[in-house]
Protein backbone atom coordinates (compact mmCIF):
# COMPACT_ATOMS: atom_id res chain seq x y z
CA MET A 1 169.87 128.50 205.76
CA LEU A 2 173.05 130.55 205.87
CA ARG A 3 173.90 129.65 202.28
CA ARG A 4 170.54 131.08 201.22
CA GLU A 5 170.75 134.12 203.53
CA PRO A 6 174.40 134.88 204.33
CA GLY A 7 173.43 138.23 205.80
CA LEU A 8 172.07 136.40 208.86
CA ALA A 9 175.66 135.77 209.95
CA GLY A 10 177.05 139.20 209.09
CA GLU A 11 180.16 140.27 207.20
CA ARG A 12 182.58 139.80 210.10
CA ALA A 13 181.61 136.15 210.56
CA TRP A 14 182.37 135.33 206.93
CA ALA A 15 185.65 137.26 207.09
CA VAL A 16 186.78 135.47 210.26
CA GLY A 17 185.75 132.11 208.78
CA ASN A 18 187.61 132.75 205.53
CA GLY A 19 184.40 132.44 203.54
CA GLN A 20 182.61 129.87 205.70
CA PHE A 21 180.66 130.11 208.95
CA PRO A 22 183.46 130.42 211.51
CA PHE A 23 182.56 128.03 214.31
CA LEU A 24 180.99 124.71 215.25
CA MET A 25 179.47 123.88 218.64
CA LYS A 26 178.64 120.47 220.05
CA LEU A 27 177.97 118.63 223.24
CA LEU A 28 180.76 116.08 223.53
CA ALA A 29 180.23 113.00 225.68
CA ALA A 30 183.38 110.90 225.97
CA ALA A 31 182.30 107.55 227.38
CA ARG A 32 185.79 106.21 226.56
CA PRO A 33 189.07 107.85 225.53
CA LEU A 34 188.97 109.40 222.07
CA SER A 35 191.83 109.26 219.58
CA LEU A 36 195.06 111.22 219.98
CA GLN A 37 194.84 114.19 217.63
CA VAL A 38 196.60 117.34 216.51
CA HIS A 39 195.33 120.16 214.32
CA PRO A 40 197.25 122.44 211.93
CA THR A 41 197.60 126.19 211.75
CA ARG A 42 195.80 127.93 208.89
CA GLU A 43 199.09 128.15 206.95
CA GLN A 44 199.85 124.46 207.47
CA ALA A 45 196.30 123.55 206.46
CA ALA A 46 196.55 125.49 203.21
CA ALA A 47 199.89 123.87 202.34
CA GLY A 48 198.71 120.38 203.30
CA HIS A 49 195.47 120.74 201.38
CA ALA A 50 197.31 121.87 198.25
CA ARG A 51 199.81 119.01 198.58
CA GLU A 52 197.12 116.35 198.90
CA ASP A 53 195.19 117.88 195.99
CA ALA A 54 198.36 117.69 193.90
CA HIS A 55 198.68 114.00 194.81
CA GLY A 56 195.14 113.43 193.55
CA LEU A 57 193.68 112.39 196.91
CA SER A 58 189.90 112.62 197.06
CA VAL A 59 188.41 114.47 200.03
CA ALA A 60 186.75 111.15 200.90
CA ASP A 61 190.05 109.23 200.82
CA PRO A 62 190.66 107.72 204.31
CA THR A 63 194.37 108.56 204.05
CA ARG A 64 193.64 112.25 203.50
CA SER A 65 194.42 114.53 206.47
CA TYR A 66 193.57 117.96 205.08
CA LYS A 67 189.91 118.22 204.05
CA ASP A 68 189.96 122.04 203.92
CA VAL A 69 192.26 125.04 204.34
CA ASN A 70 191.24 126.14 207.83
CA HIS A 71 192.77 125.82 211.28
CA LYS A 72 190.87 124.06 214.10
CA PRO A 73 191.50 125.55 217.54
CA GLU A 74 189.09 124.24 220.19
CA ILE A 75 187.75 124.96 223.64
CA ILE A 76 186.11 122.44 225.94
CA VAL A 77 183.98 123.67 228.86
CA ALA A 78 183.32 120.91 231.37
CA ILE A 79 179.69 120.16 232.19
CA THR A 80 180.58 117.13 234.31
CA PRO A 81 184.05 116.24 235.65
CA PHE A 82 186.12 115.95 232.49
CA ARG A 83 189.49 114.30 231.90
CA ALA A 84 191.83 115.08 229.02
CA LEU A 85 195.40 114.87 227.78
CA CYS A 86 196.89 118.00 226.28
CA GLY A 87 200.39 118.98 225.16
CA PHE A 88 203.73 117.46 226.05
CA ARG A 89 205.13 117.50 229.55
CA ALA A 90 208.84 117.52 230.31
CA PRO A 91 210.39 114.37 228.79
CA ALA A 92 212.43 113.76 231.96
CA ARG A 93 209.17 113.40 233.91
CA SER A 94 207.79 110.95 231.35
CA ALA A 95 211.04 108.96 231.42
CA GLU A 96 210.95 108.74 235.22
CA GLU A 97 207.40 107.40 235.31
CA LEU A 98 208.01 105.08 232.37
CA ARG A 99 211.01 103.55 234.17
CA ALA A 100 208.88 103.03 237.29
CA LEU A 101 206.22 101.20 235.28
CA LEU A 102 208.71 99.12 233.28
CA GLY A 103 210.81 98.00 236.24
CA SER A 104 213.41 95.43 235.16
CA ASP A 105 211.96 95.47 231.62
CA ALA A 106 213.44 98.95 231.16
CA ASP A 107 216.57 97.16 229.87
CA ALA A 108 214.73 95.53 226.95
CA GLU A 109 215.91 96.85 223.59
CA ALA A 110 212.80 98.77 222.56
CA ALA A 111 212.26 100.20 226.04
CA ARG A 112 215.89 101.27 226.24
CA ARG A 113 215.61 102.98 222.85
CA LEU A 114 212.56 104.94 224.02
CA LEU A 115 214.13 105.91 227.33
CA THR A 116 217.36 106.98 225.61
CA ALA A 117 215.33 109.28 223.37
CA LEU A 118 213.54 110.82 226.36
CA ASP A 119 216.85 111.34 228.19
CA ARG A 120 218.24 113.64 225.48
CA ALA A 121 219.21 117.10 226.73
CA ASP A 122 217.30 118.85 223.93
CA GLU A 123 213.68 118.47 225.06
CA GLY A 124 212.21 119.12 221.63
CA ALA A 125 214.46 116.55 219.98
CA ALA A 126 213.73 114.10 222.81
CA LEU A 127 209.98 114.38 222.35
CA GLU A 128 210.15 114.11 218.56
CA GLU A 129 212.40 111.04 218.64
CA ALA A 130 210.20 109.38 221.26
CA LEU A 131 206.96 110.06 219.37
CA VAL A 132 208.37 108.77 216.08
CA ALA A 133 209.70 105.64 217.78
CA ILE A 134 206.33 104.92 219.39
CA LEU A 135 204.25 105.42 216.25
CA SER A 136 206.54 103.85 213.65
CA PRO A 137 205.85 100.20 212.75
CA ASP A 138 208.16 97.34 213.71
CA THR A 139 209.91 99.17 216.54
CA GLY A 140 208.86 96.75 219.28
CA MET A 141 206.73 99.36 221.05
CA GLU A 142 203.75 96.99 221.30
CA ARG A 143 205.75 94.90 223.78
CA VAL A 144 206.72 98.01 225.75
CA ALA A 145 203.06 99.02 225.88
CA GLU A 146 202.06 95.54 227.09
CA THR A 147 204.54 95.77 229.96
CA VAL A 148 203.39 99.26 230.92
CA VAL A 149 199.71 98.26 230.86
CA ALA A 150 200.35 95.15 232.97
CA ALA A 151 202.23 97.22 235.56
CA ALA A 152 199.54 99.93 235.67
CA ARG A 153 196.84 97.32 236.25
CA HIS A 154 198.73 95.82 239.19
CA GLY A 155 197.87 97.50 242.48
CA ASP A 156 196.16 100.81 243.20
CA ALA A 157 196.52 103.76 240.85
CA PRO A 158 195.89 107.18 242.45
CA ALA A 159 193.41 109.41 240.61
CA GLY A 160 195.21 111.61 238.10
CA SER A 161 198.36 109.47 238.11
CA SER A 162 200.07 108.16 235.00
CA ALA A 163 199.10 104.63 235.98
CA GLU A 164 195.43 105.64 236.13
CA THR A 165 195.75 107.29 232.71
CA VAL A 166 197.27 104.09 231.31
CA ARG A 167 194.40 102.06 232.76
CA LEU A 168 191.79 104.38 231.24
CA VAL A 169 193.38 104.16 227.81
CA ALA A 170 194.13 100.44 227.99
CA ASP A 171 190.57 99.59 229.04
CA ALA A 172 189.48 100.95 225.66
CA TYR A 173 192.44 100.13 223.42
CA GLY A 174 194.44 97.37 225.10
CA ALA A 175 198.21 97.61 224.70
CA ASP A 176 198.03 100.03 221.78
CA PRO A 177 201.33 101.97 221.47
CA GLY A 178 199.20 105.10 221.88
CA VAL A 179 199.31 104.24 225.59
CA LEU A 180 202.95 105.32 225.48
CA VAL A 181 202.06 108.58 223.73
CA ALA A 182 199.61 109.24 226.57
CA LEU A 183 202.54 109.03 229.02
CA LEU A 184 204.24 111.90 227.17
CA LEU A 185 201.28 114.25 227.65
CA ASN A 186 199.92 116.45 230.43
CA ARG A 187 196.90 115.05 232.24
CA VAL A 188 194.20 117.70 232.78
CA ASP A 189 191.23 117.12 235.09
CA LEU A 190 188.48 119.73 234.78
CA LEU A 191 185.70 120.34 237.27
CA PRO A 192 182.29 121.48 235.98
CA GLY A 193 182.64 125.05 234.76
CA GLU A 194 186.38 124.81 234.09
CA ALA A 195 187.65 125.14 230.53
CA LEU A 196 190.64 124.15 228.40
CA PHE A 197 191.81 125.77 225.15
CA LEU A 198 193.53 123.61 222.54
CA ASP A 199 195.62 125.42 219.95
CA ALA A 200 197.28 124.17 216.78
CA GLY A 201 200.20 121.79 217.15
CA HIS A 202 199.29 120.37 220.56
CA VAL A 203 198.66 116.63 220.72
CA HIS A 204 195.54 115.97 222.76
CA ALA A 205 192.86 113.43 223.59
CA TYR A 206 189.65 113.56 225.58
CA LEU A 207 189.48 110.73 228.11
CA SER A 208 186.05 110.97 229.73
CA GLY A 209 183.25 113.33 230.63
CA LEU A 210 180.60 115.61 229.17
CA GLY A 211 181.53 119.04 227.88
CA LEU A 212 180.52 121.84 225.55
CA GLU A 213 183.04 121.98 222.71
CA ALA A 214 183.43 124.93 220.36
CA MET A 215 185.91 125.00 217.50
CA ALA A 216 186.78 126.67 214.24
CA THR A 217 184.96 125.13 211.29
CA SER A 218 187.33 122.50 209.91
CA ASP A 219 187.72 118.76 209.44
CA ASN A 220 191.53 118.86 209.52
CA VAL A 221 192.70 116.17 211.94
CA LEU A 222 196.02 114.32 212.07
CA ARG A 223 195.83 111.36 214.41
CA GLY A 224 198.57 110.17 216.71
CA GLY A 225 197.27 106.80 217.89
CA LEU A 226 194.35 105.17 219.71
CA THR A 227 192.50 104.81 216.43
CA SER A 228 191.90 102.41 213.59
CA LYS A 229 192.04 105.35 211.18
CA HIS A 230 195.04 106.49 209.15
CA VAL A 231 198.07 107.72 211.12
CA ASP A 232 200.45 109.79 209.00
CA VAL A 233 203.61 109.88 211.12
CA PRO A 234 205.68 112.19 208.86
CA GLY A 235 202.69 114.51 208.47
CA LEU A 236 202.14 114.50 212.22
CA VAL A 237 205.77 115.35 212.94
CA GLU A 238 205.53 118.24 210.48
CA ILE A 239 202.89 120.11 212.50
CA VAL A 240 203.35 119.00 216.13
CA SER A 241 204.79 121.48 218.61
CA PHE A 242 207.63 119.50 220.20
CA ALA A 243 208.05 121.52 223.37
CA PRO A 244 206.77 120.98 226.90
CA ALA A 245 203.70 123.16 227.42
CA VAL A 246 201.48 124.08 230.33
CA PRO A 247 197.83 123.32 229.47
CA HIS A 248 195.97 126.52 228.55
CA ARG A 249 193.08 126.83 230.98
CA ILE A 250 190.59 129.61 230.31
CA THR A 251 189.54 131.68 233.32
CA PRO A 252 185.95 132.82 232.81
CA VAL A 253 184.49 136.25 233.53
CA VAL A 254 181.24 136.17 235.51
CA SER A 255 178.56 138.86 235.25
CA ARG A 256 175.48 138.80 237.52
CA ALA A 257 172.56 141.17 237.18
CA ASP A 258 168.76 141.14 237.33
CA GLY A 259 168.45 137.45 238.12
CA VAL A 260 170.59 136.31 235.17
CA THR A 261 174.23 135.21 235.37
CA VAL A 262 176.51 135.05 232.33
CA THR A 263 179.83 133.19 232.53
CA SER A 264 182.03 134.05 229.55
CA TYR A 265 185.01 132.10 228.22
CA ALA A 266 187.12 134.18 225.83
CA ALA A 267 189.38 132.09 223.60
CA PRO A 268 192.50 133.77 222.17
CA VAL A 269 191.12 133.45 218.61
CA PRO A 270 188.42 135.44 216.77
CA ASP A 271 186.57 132.30 215.61
CA PHE A 272 184.54 131.67 218.77
CA SER A 273 183.79 132.41 222.40
CA VAL A 274 181.53 130.50 224.80
CA HIS A 275 178.99 131.95 227.25
CA VAL A 276 176.96 130.09 229.86
CA ILE A 277 173.63 131.76 230.66
CA ASP A 278 171.98 130.89 233.97
CA GLY A 279 168.44 132.17 234.31
CA GLU A 280 167.29 132.48 237.90
CA GLY A 281 163.82 133.87 237.26
CA GLY A 282 164.94 137.32 236.15
CA ALA A 283 165.09 139.26 232.88
CA ARG A 284 168.16 140.88 231.32
CA THR A 285 169.37 142.26 228.01
CA LEU A 286 172.78 140.81 227.12
CA GLU A 287 174.19 143.78 225.22
CA ALA A 288 177.43 142.02 224.22
CA LEU A 289 175.66 139.05 222.61
CA THR A 290 174.50 140.40 219.25
CA GLY A 291 175.04 137.26 217.16
CA PRO A 292 175.62 135.33 215.14
CA SER A 293 175.20 132.75 217.88
CA VAL A 294 174.16 129.15 218.43
CA LEU A 295 172.70 128.23 221.80
CA VAL A 296 171.43 125.08 223.46
CA VAL A 297 169.51 124.74 226.73
CA THR A 298 170.86 121.98 228.97
CA ALA A 299 168.69 122.44 232.07
CA GLY A 300 165.28 123.88 232.87
CA ALA A 301 163.58 126.20 230.36
CA LEU A 302 164.34 129.77 229.31
CA THR A 303 162.48 132.38 227.30
CA PHE A 304 164.66 134.43 224.97
CA GLY A 305 163.93 137.49 222.88
CA VAL A 306 165.67 139.13 219.93
CA GLY A 307 164.04 142.23 218.51
CA GLU A 308 160.29 141.57 218.46
CA GLU A 309 160.71 137.78 218.49
CA GLU A 310 160.27 135.61 221.59
CA LEU A 311 161.18 131.95 221.90
CA VAL A 312 160.69 129.48 224.73
CA LEU A 313 163.45 126.85 224.79
CA PRO A 314 163.11 123.80 227.06
CA ARG A 315 165.97 121.48 227.98
CA GLY A 316 167.49 119.93 224.83
CA ALA A 317 166.28 122.67 222.47
CA ALA A 318 168.68 124.74 220.36
CA ALA A 319 168.40 127.95 218.34
CA PHE A 320 170.37 130.22 216.01
CA GLN A 321 170.60 133.95 216.67
CA ALA A 322 171.22 136.10 213.61
CA VAL A 323 173.56 139.08 213.82
CA GLY A 324 171.80 142.26 214.93
CA ASP A 325 169.89 143.05 218.09
CA PRO A 326 171.24 141.86 221.46
CA LEU A 327 169.91 138.69 223.05
CA ARG A 328 167.41 139.15 225.87
CA VAL A 329 166.62 136.67 228.60
CA LEU A 330 162.95 137.29 229.33
CA ALA A 331 162.00 134.64 231.88
CA GLY A 332 162.64 131.16 233.19
CA ARG A 333 164.99 129.12 235.26
CA GLY A 334 167.61 127.08 233.51
CA ARG A 335 170.99 126.99 231.83
CA ALA A 336 172.00 127.59 228.22
CA TYR A 337 175.36 127.37 226.47
CA LEU A 338 175.93 129.91 223.72
CA THR A 339 178.76 130.11 221.18
CA THR A 340 179.41 133.24 219.17
CA LEU A 341 182.37 135.04 217.59
CA GLY A 342 185.38 135.83 219.72
CA SER A 343 186.79 139.28 220.36
CA ALA A 344 190.46 138.35 219.82
């Protein structure tokens, strides 16, 4: 549709998206932990894409990491309780918990090598050395992962603890060395309505839950474990941000008027923003939402209007709003998630 009528999206959308529609939106249901991933900046994507083109890799080649030249920041808004891993925590903390799980096995050669890396004074160097050791073949990390998984499965593991994270991952992947990568990362537990922003360079994985995910339009993914797909360790190291980071939670802005509530999540990128529309039987013109937008109704039924057009959307229905007149909520009780351009 947009290829035939690009004016429906408007000039700004194509400019923000570097010639393509700027965002994707999906309902993401993680029944089990998803793979560890990291996404590049736009500059890294352009360089990686050119490099793989020069090597003659087809876009369909399973060893190809850069399918396009775009970045891929993301936001996840929790619909149910949602668990994720995002960004490195302080390596000293990871080393402390790893020692507790390993017990007397901390003196085994591979375990000692990993712990020595994490004990380095330079946190960035510590994290890089640890990640490379875990993901490189023939380093003995499978045995370390087996010990950690066995320890985590013994006894009670408090919710949100590293042992519980290990159990979640191991239930899906066994003693995959990616279990050890998970121990390097921040655990983030979101309640419904809470949101997490994921920028370039931050290793992350979604563990469980249902959420609304919006992202820049790109297929550029470098994987860091918990997958049967290609893991390019040198390529991963090239783009990962090796510094402890506090997870970037997005605090929403809530606007209530005329029986309609809008909860807005502004990401620090121009590619997208997310808005939750709760209709409580009222009618309201949403002046800020002038498209292009994609919306999906997740509960109840709502009647929307744009210009002279009216559309009744029941639960499970989705629609596209072209750039132009503001969106109007005309009637109904229900909830819709809408993604449009950001203001950053």
